[in-house]
């Protein structure tokens, strides 16, 4: 039960306005899933490159080891960009879930009144 219906109405209008500007679509979820898949693939590629680097270092192939180090640093940078993107999308998804949860809670409370 709300003691101040005016503030409750204002708060619900603000939430509706926020929900209207803040949408999470299936396309966003697909993008997030593809980005997570890319992070996993890049992690695997980094592990394989590190194995090759160890082998090149062990066999005293310094030129090859240097090029592998450069490739590892490049792939790591790309992986970090994807990871940053995933983090931002996951944060947006969590905000959207929280917004939906608060709206659902308010709907239930309004039905109980």
PDB file of N, CA and C in Angstrom:
ATOM      1  N   UNK A   1       0.850  -1.174   0.000  1.00  0.00           N
ATOM      2  CA  UNK A   1       0.000   0.000   0.000  1.00  0.00           C
ATOM      3  C   UNK A   1       0.900   1.243   0.000  1.00  0.00           C
ATOM      4  N   UNK A   2       0.571   2.151  -0.869  1.00  0.00           N
ATOM      5  CA  UNK A   2       1.384   3.352  -1.024  1.00  0.00           C
ATOM      6  C   UNK A   2       0.730   4.507  -0.272  1.00  0.00           C
ATOM      7  N   UNK A   3       1.507   5.183   0.577  1.00  0.00           N
ATOM      8  CA  UNK A   3       0.976   6.302   1.353  1.00  0.00           C
ATOM      9  C   UNK A   3       0.797   7.555   0.516  1.00  0.00           C
ATOM     10  N   UNK A   4       1.664   7.722  -0.500  1.00  0.00           N
ATOM     11  CA  UNK A   4       1.617   8.908  -1.346  1.00  0.00           C
ATOM     12  C   UNK A   4       1.418   8.491  -2.791  1.00  0.00           C
ATOM     13  N   UNK A   5       0.166   8.394  -3.243  1.00  0.00           N
ATOM     14  CA  UNK A   5      -0.083   7.925  -4.608  1.00  0.00           C
ATOM     15  C   UNK A   5       0.494   8.844  -5.677  1.00  0.00           C
ATOM     16  N   UNK A   6       0.635  10.147  -5.359  1.00  0.00           N
ATOM     17  CA  UNK A   6       1.174  11.066  -6.361  1.00  0.00           C
ATOM     18  C   UNK A   6       2.628  10.720  -6.673  1.00  0.00           C
ATOM     19  N   UNK A   7       3.415  10.466  -5.632  1.00  0.00           N
ATOM     20  CA  UNK A   7       4.825  10.132  -5.857  1.00  0.00           C
ATOM     21  C   UNK A   7       4.956   8.779  -6.528  1.00  0.00           C
ATOM     22  N   UNK A   8       4.055   7.874  -6.224  1.00  0.00           N
ATOM     23  CA  UNK A   8       4.081   6.564  -6.862  1.00  0.00           C
ATOM     24  C   UNK A   8       3.789   6.704  -8.359  1.00  0.00           C
ATOM     25  N   UNK A   9       2.849   7.572  -8.701  1.00  0.00           N
ATOM     26  CA  UNK A   9       2.519   7.796 -10.107  1.00  0.00           C
ATOM     27  C   UNK A   9       3.681   8.444 -10.841  1.00  0.00           C
ATOM     28  N   UNK A  10       4.331   9.395 -10.187  1.00  0.00           N
ATOM     29  CA  UNK A  10       5.485  10.071 -10.803  1.00  0.00           C
ATOM     30  C   UNK A  10       6.616   9.064 -11.009  1.00  0.00           C
ATOM     31  N   UNK A  11       6.853   8.235 -10.000  1.00  0.00           N
ATOM     32  CA  UNK A  11       7.921   7.241 -10.100  1.00  0.00           C
ATOM     33  C   UNK A  11       7.628   6.242 -11.209  1.00  0.00           C
ATOM     34  N   UNK A  12       6.373   5.834 -11.331  1.00  0.00           N
ATOM     35  CA  UNK A  12       6.044   4.868 -12.385  1.00  0.00           C
ATOM     36  C   UNK A  12       6.156   5.512 -13.766  1.00  0.00           C
ATOM     37  N   UNK A  13       5.821   6.815 -13.885  1.00  0.00           N
ATOM     38  CA  UNK A  13       5.999   7.512 -15.153  1.00  0.00           C
ATOM     39  C   UNK A  13       7.469   7.611 -15.517  1.00  0.00           C
ATOM     40  N   UNK A  14       8.316   7.871 -14.528  1.00  0.00           N
ATOM     41  CA  UNK A  14       9.757   7.932 -14.781  1.00  0.00           C
ATOM     42  C   UNK A  14      10.291   6.576 -15.222  1.00  0.00           C
ATOM     43  N   UNK A  15       9.807   5.513 -14.598  1.00  0.00           N
ATOM     44  CA  UNK A  15      10.251   4.174 -14.975  1.00  0.00           C
ATOM     45  C   UNK A  15       9.777   3.811 -16.377  1.00  0.00           C
ATOM     46  N   UNK A  16       8.550   4.203 -16.704  1.00  0.00           N
ATOM     47  CA  UNK A  16       8.041   3.932 -18.051  1.00  0.00           C
ATOM     48  C   UNK A  16       8.850   4.693 -19.091  1.00  0.00           C
ATOM     49  N   UNK A  17       9.219   5.929 -18.780  1.00  0.00           N
ATOM     50  CA  UNK A  17      10.040   6.711 -19.707  1.00  0.00           C
ATOM     51  C   UNK A  17      11.413   6.069 -19.860  1.00  0.00           C
ATOM     52  N   UNK A  18      11.971   5.587 -18.752  1.00  0.00           N
ATOM     53  CA  UNK A  18      13.274   4.916 -18.823  1.00  0.00           C
ATOM     54  C   UNK A  18      13.164   3.631 -19.627  1.00  0.00           C
ATOM     55  N   UNK A  19      12.075   2.897 -19.447  1.00  0.00           N
ATOM     56  CA  UNK A  19      11.886   1.649 -20.190  1.00  0.00           C
ATOM     57  C   UNK A  19      11.704   1.921 -21.677  1.00  0.00           C
ATOM     58  N   UNK A  20      11.059   3.029 -21.996  1.00  0.00           N
ATOM     59  CA  UNK A  20      10.850   3.362 -23.409  1.00  0.00           C
ATOM     60  C   UNK A  20      12.175   3.673 -24.098  1.00  0.00           C
ATOM     61  N   UNK A  21      13.087   4.313 -23.385  1.00  0.00           N
ATOM     62  CA  UNK A  21      14.378   4.648 -24.001  1.00  0.00           C
ATOM     63  C   UNK A  21      15.383   3.510 -23.862  1.00  0.00           C
ATOM     64  N   UNK A  22      15.095   2.562 -23.010  1.00  0.00           N
ATOM     65  CA  UNK A  22      16.038   1.493 -22.694  1.00  0.00           C
ATOM     66  C   UNK A  22      15.407   0.164 -23.083  1.00  0.00           C
ATOM     67  N   UNK A  23      15.760  -0.325 -24.240  1.00  0.00           N
ATOM     68  CA  UNK A  23      15.193  -1.579 -24.723  1.00  0.00           C
ATOM     69  C   UNK A  23      16.292  -2.616 -24.875  1.00  0.00           C
ATOM     70  N   UNK A  24      15.964  -3.846 -24.615  1.00  0.00           N
ATOM     71  CA  UNK A  24      16.881  -4.968 -24.831  1.00  0.00           C
ATOM     72  C   UNK A  24      16.192  -5.878 -25.826  1.00  0.00           C
ATOM     73  N   UNK A  25      16.769  -5.993 -26.997  1.00  0.00           N
ATOM     74  CA  UNK A  25      16.135  -6.771 -28.052  1.00  0.00           C
ATOM     75  C   UNK A  25      16.822  -8.115 -28.203  1.00  0.00           C
ATOM     76  N   UNK A  26      16.196  -8.957 -28.975  1.00  0.00           N
ATOM     77  CA  UNK A  26      16.780 -10.260 -29.280  1.00  0.00           C
ATOM     78  C   UNK A  26      18.082 -10.085 -30.064  1.00  0.00           C
ATOM     79  N   UNK A  27      18.127  -9.033 -30.877  1.00  0.00           N
ATOM     80  CA  UNK A  27      19.352  -8.734 -31.631  1.00  0.00           C
ATOM     81  C   UNK A  27      20.517  -8.423 -30.683  1.00  0.00           C
ATOM     82  N   UNK A  28      20.218  -7.677 -29.604  1.00  0.00           N
ATOM     83  CA  UNK A  28      21.261  -7.385 -28.602  1.00  0.00           C
ATOM     84  C   UNK A  28      21.763  -8.672 -27.957  1.00  0.00           C
ATOM     85  N   UNK A  29      20.842  -9.564 -27.672  1.00  0.00           N
ATOM     86  CA  UNK A  29      21.236 -10.832 -27.054  1.00  0.00           C
ATOM     87  C   UNK A  29      22.074 -11.674 -28.017  1.00  0.00           C
ATOM     88  N   UNK A  30      21.698 -11.675 -29.287  1.00  0.00           N
ATOM     89  CA  UNK A  30      22.489 -12.401 -30.284  1.00  0.00           C
ATOM     90  C   UNK A  30      23.893 -11.816 -30.406  1.00  0.00           C
ATOM     91  N   UNK A  31      23.984 -10.494 -30.393  1.00  0.00           N
ATOM     92  CA  UNK A  31      25.297  -9.842 -30.460  1.00  0.00           C
ATOM     93  C   UNK A  31      26.151 -10.221 -29.262  1.00  0.00           C
ATOM     94  N   UNK A  32      25.549 -10.231 -28.086  1.00  0.00           N
ATOM     95  CA  UNK A  32      26.285 -10.603 -26.883  1.00  0.00           C
ATOM     96  C   UNK A  32      26.773 -12.048 -26.967  1.00  0.00           C
ATOM     97  N   UNK A  33      25.907 -12.942 -27.400  1.00  0.00           N
ATOM     98  CA  UNK A  33      26.291 -14.352 -27.523  1.00  0.00           C
ATOM     99  C   UNK A  33      27.417 -14.545 -28.533  1.00  0.00           C
ATOM    100  N   UNK A  34      27.341 -13.851 -29.660  1.00  0.00           N
ATOM    101  CA  UNK A  34      28.418 -13.961 -30.657  1.00  0.00           C
ATOM    102  C   UNK A  34      29.723 -13.403 -30.121  1.00  0.00           C
ATOM    103  N   UNK A  35      29.658 -12.312 -29.371  1.00  0.00           N
ATOM    104  CA  UNK A  35      30.865 -11.724 -28.804  1.00  0.00           C
ATOM    105  C   UNK A  35      31.492 -12.661 -27.766  1.00  0.00           C
ATOM    106  N   UNK A  36      30.663 -13.311 -26.963  1.00  0.00           N
ATOM    107  CA  UNK A  36      31.179 -14.272 -25.984  1.00  0.00           C
ATOM    108  C   UNK A  36      31.853 -15.437 -26.708  1.00  0.00           C
ATOM    109  N   UNK A  37      31.229 -15.904 -27.786  1.00  0.00           N
ATOM    110  CA  UNK A  37      31.842 -16.975 -28.582  1.00  0.00           C
ATOM    111  C   UNK A  37      33.200 -16.543 -29.134  1.00  0.00           C
ATOM    112  N   UNK A  38      33.293 -15.296 -29.585  1.00  0.00           N
ATOM    113  CA  UNK A  38      34.555 -14.793 -30.118  1.00  0.00           C
ATOM    114  C   UNK A  38      35.627 -14.723 -29.032  1.00  0.00           C
ATOM    115  N   UNK A  39      35.244 -14.321 -27.833  1.00  0.00           N
ATOM    116  CA  UNK A  39      36.206 -14.273 -26.726  1.00  0.00           C
ATOM    117  C   UNK A  39      36.749 -15.676 -26.456  1.00  0.00           C
ATOM    118  N   UNK A  40      35.857 -16.663 -26.464  1.00  0.00           N
ATOM    119  CA  UNK A  40      36.294 -18.045 -26.238  1.00  0.00           C
ATOM    120  C   UNK A  40      37.233 -18.517 -27.342  1.00  0.00           C
ATOM    121  N   UNK A  41      36.906 -18.203 -28.589  1.00  0.00           N
ATOM    122  CA  UNK A  41      37.773 -18.590 -29.706  1.00  0.00           C
ATOM    123  C   UNK A  41      39.133 -17.896 -29.623  1.00  0.00           C
ATOM    124  N   UNK A  42      39.118 -16.625 -29.278  1.00  0.00           N
ATOM    125  CA  UNK A  42      40.378 -15.893 -29.159  1.00  0.00           C
ATOM    126  C   UNK A  42      41.233 -16.420 -28.003  1.00  0.00           C
ATOM    127  N   UNK A  43      40.583 -16.803 -26.901  1.00  0.00           N
ATOM    128  CA  UNK A  43      41.338 -17.410 -25.797  1.00  0.00           C
ATOM    129  C   UNK A  43      42.018 -18.693 -26.251  1.00  0.00           C
ATOM    130  N   UNK A  44      41.302 -19.502 -27.013  1.00  0.00           N
ATOM    131  CA  UNK A  44      41.880 -20.743 -27.530  1.00  0.00           C
ATOM    132  C   UNK A  44      43.038 -20.448 -28.479  1.00  0.00           C
ATOM    133  N   UNK A  45      42.871 -19.458 -29.325  1.00  0.00           N
ATOM    134  CA  UNK A  45      43.934 -19.085 -30.265  1.00  0.00           C
ATOM    135  C   UNK A  45      45.175 -18.593 -29.519  1.00  0.00           C
ATOM    136  N   UNK A  46      44.969 -17.841 -28.441  1.00  0.00           N
ATOM    137  CA  UNK A  46      46.101 -17.357 -27.646  1.00  0.00           C
ATOM    138  C   UNK A  46      46.851 -18.532 -27.021  1.00  0.00           C
ATOM    139  N   UNK A  47      46.106 -19.510 -26.493  1.00  0.00           N
ATOM    140  CA  UNK A  47      46.763 -20.686 -25.920  1.00  0.00           C
ATOM    141  C   UNK A  47      47.592 -21.430 -26.963  1.00  0.00           C
ATOM    142  N   UNK A  48      47.047 -21.592 -28.160  1.00  0.00           N
ATOM    143  CA  UNK A  48      47.779 -22.282 -29.223  1.00  0.00           C
ATOM    144  C   UNK A  48      49.032 -21.499 -29.631  1.00  0.00           C
ATOM    145  N   UNK A  49      48.900 -20.177 -29.708  1.00  0.00           N
ATOM    146  CA  UNK A  49      50.063 -19.356 -30.055  1.00  0.00           C
ATOM    147  C   UNK A  49      51.143 -19.428 -28.972  1.00  0.00           C
ATOM    148  N   UNK A  50      50.724 -19.482 -27.709  1.00  0.00           N
ATOM    149  CA  UNK A  50      51.693 -19.595 -26.624  1.00  0.00           C
ATOM    150  C   UNK A  50      52.446 -20.927 -26.691  1.00  0.00           C
ATOM    151  N   UNK A  51      51.736 -21.997 -27.052  1.00  0.00           N
ATOM    152  CA  UNK A  51      52.412 -23.284 -27.224  1.00  0.00           C
ATOM    153  C   UNK A  51      53.449 -23.207 -28.341  1.00  0.00           C
ATOM    154  N   UNK A  52      53.074 -22.584 -29.436  1.00  0.00           N
ATOM    155  CA  UNK A  52      54.015 -22.429 -30.550  1.00  0.00           C
ATOM    156  C   UNK A  52      55.200 -21.558 -30.142  1.00  0.00           C
ATOM    157  N   UNK A  53      54.942 -20.524 -29.333  1.00  0.00           N
ATOM    158  CA  UNK A  53      56.016 -19.655 -28.857  1.00  0.00           C
ATOM    159  C   UNK A  53      56.998 -20.437 -27.981  1.00  0.00           C
ATOM    160  N   UNK A  54      56.449 -21.252 -27.086  1.00  0.00           N
ATOM    161  CA  UNK A  54      57.322 -22.072 -26.236  1.00  0.00           C
ATOM    162  C   UNK A  54      58.190 -23.003 -27.080  1.00  0.00           C
ATOM    163  N   UNK A  55      57.602 -23.599 -28.090  1.00  0.00           N
ATOM    164  CA  UNK A  55      58.340 -24.506 -28.964  1.00  0.00           C
ATOM    165  C   UNK A  55      59.431 -23.752 -29.735  1.00  0.00           C
ATOM    166  N   UNK A  56      59.084 -22.571 -30.240  1.00  0.00           N
ATOM    167  CA  UNK A  56      60.064 -21.777 -30.984  1.00  0.00           C
ATOM    168  C   UNK A  56      61.199 -21.326 -30.067  1.00  0.00           C
ATOM    169  N   UNK A  57      60.882 -20.949 -28.844  1.00  0.00           N
ATOM    170  CA  UNK A  57      61.904 -20.524 -27.894  1.00  0.00           C
ATOM    171  C   UNK A  57      62.809 -21.695 -27.517  1.00  0.00           C
ATOM    172  N   UNK A  58      62.202 -22.835 -27.294  1.00  0.00           N
ATOM    173  CA  UNK A  58      62.956 -24.031 -26.932  1.00  0.00           C
ATOM    174  C   UNK A  58      63.916 -24.444 -28.048  1.00  0.00           C
ATOM    175  N   UNK A  59      63.493 -24.267 -29.308  1.00  0.00           N
ATOM    176  CA  UNK A  59      64.319 -24.633 -30.462  1.00  0.00           C
ATOM    177  C   UNK A  59      65.226 -23.487 -30.925  1.00  0.00           C
ATOM    178  N   UNK A  60      65.270 -22.424 -30.136  1.00  0.00           N
ATOM    179  CA  UNK A  60      66.146 -21.284 -30.397  1.00  0.00           C
ATOM    180  C   UNK A  60      65.859 -20.609 -31.749  1.00  0.00           C
ATOM    181  N   UNK A  61      64.575 -20.501 -32.093  1.00  0.00           N
ATOM    182  CA  UNK A  61      64.157 -19.805 -33.312  1.00  0.00           C
ATOM    183  C   UNK A  61      63.671 -18.414 -32.914  1.00  0.00           C
ATOM    184  N   UNK A  62      64.620 -17.531 -32.715  1.00  0.00           N
ATOM    185  CA  UNK A  62      64.290 -16.222 -32.149  1.00  0.00           C
ATOM    186  C   UNK A  62      63.427 -15.359 -33.066  1.00  0.00           C
ATOM    187  N   UNK A  63      63.661 -15.416 -34.368  1.00  0.00           N
ATOM    188  CA  UNK A  63      62.862 -14.610 -35.305  1.00  0.00           C
ATOM    189  C   UNK A  63      61.407 -15.079 -35.297  1.00  0.00           C
ATOM    190  N   UNK A  64      61.223 -16.370 -35.307  1.00  0.00           N
ATOM    191  CA  UNK A  64      59.865 -16.926 -35.271  1.00  0.00           C
ATOM    192  C   UNK A  64      59.208 -16.621 -33.922  1.00  0.00           C
ATOM    193  N   UNK A  65      59.977 -16.717 -32.843  1.00  0.00           N
ATOM    194  CA  UNK A  65      59.434 -16.424 -31.512  1.00  0.00           C
ATOM    195  C   UNK A  65      58.986 -14.970 -31.423  1.00  0.00           C
ATOM    196  N   UNK A  66      59.769 -14.071 -32.015  1.00  0.00           N
ATOM    197  CA  UNK A  66      59.403 -12.658 -31.984  1.00  0.00           C
ATOM    198  C   UNK A  66      58.085 -12.417 -32.726  1.00  0.00           C
ATOM    199  N   UNK A  67      57.936 -13.011 -33.904  1.00  0.00           N
ATOM    200  CA  UNK A  67      56.688 -12.812 -34.654  1.00  0.00           C
ATOM    201  C   UNK A  67      55.496 -13.420 -33.903  1.00  0.00           C
ATOM    202  N   UNK A  68      55.731 -14.525 -33.211  1.00  0.00           N
ATOM    203  CA  UNK A  68      54.650 -15.116 -32.411  1.00  0.00           C
ATOM    204  C   UNK A  68      54.292 -14.212 -31.226  1.00  0.00           C
ATOM    205  N   UNK A  69      55.278 -13.589 -30.614  1.00  0.00           N
ATOM    206  CA  UNK A  69      54.991 -12.656 -29.520  1.00  0.00           C
ATOM    207  C   UNK A  69      54.148 -11.482 -30.009  1.00  0.00           C
ATOM    208  N   UNK A  70      54.466 -10.991 -31.185  1.00  0.00           N
ATOM    209  CA  UNK A  70      53.693  -9.878 -31.756  1.00  0.00           C
ATOM    210  C   UNK A  70      52.260 -10.318 -32.057  1.00  0.00           C
ATOM    211  N   UNK A  71      52.124 -11.510 -32.582  1.00  0.00           N
ATOM    212  CA  UNK A  71      50.787 -12.023 -32.894  1.00  0.00           C
ATOM    213  C   UNK A  71      49.984 -12.237 -31.614  1.00  0.00           C
ATOM    214  N   UNK A  72      50.629 -12.756 -30.570  1.00  0.00           N
ATOM    215  CA  UNK A  72      49.945 -12.964 -29.287  1.00  0.00           C
ATOM    216  C   UNK A  72      49.465 -11.633 -28.721  1.00  0.00           C
ATOM    217  N   UNK A  73      50.309 -10.613 -28.783  1.00  0.00           N
ATOM    218  CA  UNK A  73      49.897  -9.315 -28.232  1.00  0.00           C
ATOM    219  C   UNK A  73      48.744  -8.718 -29.036  1.00  0.00           C
ATOM    220  N   UNK A  74      48.754  -8.915 -30.345  1.00  0.00           N
ATOM    221  CA  UNK A  74      47.658  -8.398 -31.180  1.00  0.00           C
ATOM    222  C   UNK A  74      46.350  -9.121 -30.876  1.00  0.00           C
ATOM    223  N   UNK A  75      46.405 -10.441 -30.823  1.00  0.00           N
ATOM    224  CA  UNK A  75      45.193 -11.223 -30.550  1.00  0.00           C
ATOM    225  C   UNK A  75      44.680 -10.927 -29.137  1.00  0.00           C
ATOM    226  N   UNK A  76      45.593 -10.723 -28.203  1.00  0.00           N
ATOM    227  CA  UNK A  76      45.187 -10.377 -26.835  1.00  0.00           C
ATOM    228  C   UNK A  76      44.471  -9.028 -26.811  1.00  0.00           C
ATOM    229  N   UNK A  77      44.958  -8.065 -27.575  1.00  0.00           N
ATOM    230  CA  UNK A  77      44.288  -6.766 -27.656  1.00  0.00           C
ATOM    231  C   UNK A  77      42.892  -6.875 -28.234  1.00  0.00           C
ATOM    232  N   UNK A  78      42.747  -7.676 -29.277  1.00  0.00           N
ATOM    233  CA  UNK A  78      41.421  -7.878 -29.875  1.00  0.00           C
ATOM    234  C   UNK A  78      40.496  -8.567 -28.880  1.00  0.00           C
ATOM    235  N   UNK A  79      41.038  -9.578 -28.179  1.00  0.00           N
ATOM    236  CA  UNK A  79      40.233 -10.286 -27.179  1.00  0.00           C
ATOM    237  C   UNK A  79      39.777  -9.330 -26.086  1.00  0.00           C
ATOM    238  N   UNK A  80      40.663  -8.431 -25.654  1.00  0.00           N
ATOM    239  CA  UNK A  80      40.301  -7.475 -24.612  1.00  0.00           C
ATOM    240  C   UNK A  80      39.212  -6.507 -25.081  1.00  0.00           C
ATOM    241  N   UNK A  81      39.243  -6.135 -26.363  1.00  0.00           N
ATOM    242  CA  UNK A  81      38.171  -5.272 -26.904  1.00  0.00           C
ATOM    243  C   UNK A  81      36.834  -6.010 -26.875  1.00  0.00           C
ATOM    244  N   UNK A  82      36.834  -7.270 -27.297  1.00  0.00           N
ATOM    245  CA  UNK A  82      35.599  -8.063 -27.247  1.00  0.00           C
ATOM    246  C   UNK A  82      35.128  -8.231 -25.808  1.00  0.00           C
ATOM    247  N   UNK A  83      36.065  -8.450 -24.892  1.00  0.00           N
ATOM    248  CA  UNK A  83      35.706  -8.622 -23.485  1.00  0.00           C
ATOM    249  C   UNK A  83      35.064  -7.349 -22.942  1.00  0.00           C
ATOM    250  N   UNK A  84      35.623  -6.207 -23.286  1.00  0.00           N
ATOM    251  CA  UNK A  84      35.055  -4.919 -22.851  1.00  0.00           C
ATOM    252  C   UNK A  84      33.630  -4.763 -23.400  1.00  0.00           C
ATOM    253  N   UNK A  85      33.442  -5.103 -24.668  1.00  0.00           N
ATOM    254  CA  UNK A  85      32.118  -5.028 -25.289  1.00  0.00           C
ATOM    255  C   UNK A  85      31.135  -5.942 -24.563  1.00  0.00           C
ATOM    256  N   UNK A  86      31.579  -7.169 -24.265  1.00  0.00           N
ATOM    257  CA  UNK A  86      30.717  -8.124 -23.547  1.00  0.00           C
ATOM    258  C   UNK A  86      30.348  -7.590 -22.169  1.00  0.00           C
ATOM    259  N   UNK A  87      31.292  -6.985 -21.492  1.00  0.00           N
ATOM    260  CA  UNK A  87      31.034  -6.441 -20.161  1.00  0.00           C
ATOM    261  C   UNK A  87      29.978  -5.334 -20.222  1.00  0.00           C
ATOM    262  N   UNK A  88      30.096  -4.466 -21.218  1.00  0.00           N
ATOM    263  CA  UNK A  88      29.121  -3.387 -21.361  1.00  0.00           C
ATOM    264  C   UNK A  88      27.735  -3.937 -21.685  1.00  0.00           C
ATOM    265  N   UNK A  89      27.668  -4.902 -22.591  1.00  0.00           N
ATOM    266  CA  UNK A  89      26.373  -5.489 -22.947  1.00  0.00           C
ATOM    267  C   UNK A  89      25.768  -6.236 -21.767  1.00  0.00           C
ATOM    268  N   UNK A  90      26.597  -6.945 -20.996  1.00  0.00           N
ATOM    269  CA  UNK A  90      26.094  -7.675 -19.830  1.00  0.00           C
ATOM    270  C   UNK A  90      25.569  -6.707 -18.771  1.00  0.00           C
ATOM    271  N   UNK A  91      26.255  -5.584 -18.592  1.00  0.00           N
ATOM    272  CA  UNK A  91      25.783  -4.580 -17.640  1.00  0.00           C
ATOM    273  C   UNK A  91      24.441  -4.007 -18.091  1.00  0.00           C
ATOM    274  N   UNK A  92      24.308  -3.771 -19.384  1.00  0.00           N
ATOM    275  CA  UNK A  92      23.042  -3.259 -19.920  1.00  0.00           C
ATOM    276  C   UNK A  92      21.931  -4.292 -19.715  1.00  0.00           C
ATOM    277  N   UNK A  93      22.239  -5.555 -19.916  1.00  0.00           N
ATOM    278  CA  UNK A  93      21.247  -6.616 -19.710  1.00  0.00           C
ATOM    279  C   UNK A  93      20.829  -6.683 -18.248  1.00  0.00           C
ATOM    280  N   UNK A  94      21.777  -6.552 -17.338  1.00  0.00           N
ATOM    281  CA  UNK A  94      21.447  -6.591 -15.910  1.00  0.00           C
ATOM    282  C   UNK A  94      20.569  -5.402 -15.521  1.00  0.00           C
ATOM    283  N   UNK A  95      20.852  -4.225 -16.084  1.00  0.00           N
ATOM    284  CA  UNK A  95      20.015  -3.054 -15.809  1.00  0.00           C
ATOM    285  C   UNK A  95      18.602  -3.284 -16.326  1.00  0.00           C
ATOM    286  N   UNK A  96      18.504  -3.847 -17.513  1.00  0.00           N
ATOM    287  CA  UNK A  96      17.190  -4.097 -18.096  1.00  0.00           C
ATOM    288  C   UNK A  96      16.420  -5.120 -17.274  1.00  0.00           C
ATOM    289  N   UNK A  97      17.103  -6.174 -16.822  1.00  0.00           N
ATOM    290  CA  UNK A  97      16.448  -7.171 -15.977  1.00  0.00           C
ATOM    291  C   UNK A  97      15.968  -6.551 -14.671  1.00  0.00           C
ATOM    292  N   UNK A  98      16.788  -5.680 -14.082  1.00  0.00           N
ATOM    293  CA  UNK A  98      16.392  -5.010 -12.843  1.00  0.00           C
ATOM    294  C   UNK A  98      15.184  -4.118 -13.082  1.00  0.00           C
ATOM    295  N   UNK A  99      15.157  -3.433 -14.218  1.00  0.00           N
ATOM    296  CA  UNK A  99      14.030  -2.569 -14.555  1.00  0.00           C
ATOM    297  C   UNK A  99      12.761  -3.394 -14.729  1.00  0.00           C
ATOM    298  N   UNK A 100      12.869  -4.511 -15.428  1.00  0.00           N
ATOM    299  CA  UNK A 100      11.709  -5.389 -15.600  1.00  0.00           C
ATOM    300  C   UNK A 100      11.237  -5.952 -14.270  1.00  0.00           C
ATOM    301  N   UNK A 101      12.187  -6.325 -13.421  1.00  0.00           N
ATOM    302  CA  UNK A 101      11.838  -6.868 -12.111  1.00  0.00           C
ATOM    303  C   UNK A 101      11.097  -5.840 -11.273  1.00  0.00           C
ATOM    304  N   UNK A 102      11.558  -4.584 -11.301  1.00  0.00           N
ATOM    305  CA  UNK A 102      10.888  -3.543 -10.518  1.00  0.00           C
ATOM    306  C   UNK A 102       9.496  -3.264 -11.068  1.00  0.00           C
ATOM    307  N   UNK A 103       9.356  -3.302 -12.389  1.00  0.00           N
ATOM    308  CA  UNK A 103       8.031  -3.091 -12.978  1.00  0.00           C
ATOM    309  C   UNK A 103       7.100  -4.238 -12.628  1.00  0.00           C
ATOM    310  N   UNK A 104       7.621  -5.449 -12.664  1.00  0.00           N
ATOM    311  CA  UNK A 104       6.805  -6.623 -12.315  1.00  0.00           C
ATOM    312  C   UNK A 104       6.377  -6.544 -10.858  1.00  0.00           C
ATOM    313  N   UNK A 105       7.292  -6.157  -9.987  1.00  0.00           N
ATOM    314  CA  UNK A 105       6.982  -6.031  -8.566  1.00  0.00           C
ATOM    315  C   UNK A 105       5.908  -4.977  -8.349  1.00  0.00           C
ATOM    316  N   UNK A 106       6.020  -3.843  -9.049  1.00  0.00           N
ATOM    317  CA  UNK A 106       5.003  -2.790  -8.909  1.00  0.00           C
ATOM    318  C   UNK A 106       3.658  -3.267  -9.426  1.00  0.00           C
ATOM    319  N   UNK A 107       3.642  -4.025 -10.522  1.00  0.00           N
ATOM    320  CA  UNK A 107       2.387  -4.544 -11.048  1.00  0.00           C
ATOM    321  C   UNK A 107       1.716  -5.473 -10.052  1.00  0.00           C
ATOM    322  N   UNK A 108       2.500  -6.320  -9.423  1.00  0.00           N
ATOM    323  CA  UNK A 108       1.952  -7.240  -8.429  1.00  0.00           C
ATOM    324  C   UNK A 108       1.410  -6.476  -7.230  1.00  0.00           C
ATOM    325  N   UNK A 109       2.164  -5.479  -6.765  1.00  0.00           N
ATOM    326  CA  UNK A 109       1.724  -4.679  -5.628  1.00  0.00           C
ATOM    327  C   UNK A 109       0.455  -3.914  -5.958  1.00  0.00           C
ATOM    328  N   UNK A 110       0.334  -3.395  -7.163  1.00  0.00           N
ATOM    329  CA  UNK A 110      -0.858  -2.631  -7.537  1.00  0.00           C
ATOM    330  C   UNK A 110      -2.077  -3.554  -7.618  1.00  0.00           C
ATOM    331  N   UNK A 111      -1.893  -4.803  -7.987  1.00  0.00           N
ATOM    332  CA  UNK A 111      -3.007  -5.748  -8.034  1.00  0.00           C
ATOM    333  C   UNK A 111      -3.456  -6.154  -6.645  1.00  0.00           C
ATOM    334  N   UNK A 112      -2.527  -6.132  -5.688  1.00  0.00           N
ATOM    335  CA  UNK A 112      -2.867  -6.510  -4.317  1.00  0.00           C
ATOM    336  C   UNK A 112      -3.612  -5.410  -3.577  1.00  0.00           C
ATOM    337  N   UNK A 113      -3.455  -4.163  -4.048  1.00  0.00           N
ATOM    338  CA  UNK A 113      -4.105  -3.035  -3.347  1.00  0.00           C
ATOM    339  C   UNK A 113      -5.567  -3.001  -3.574  1.00  0.00           C
TER     340      UNK A 113
END
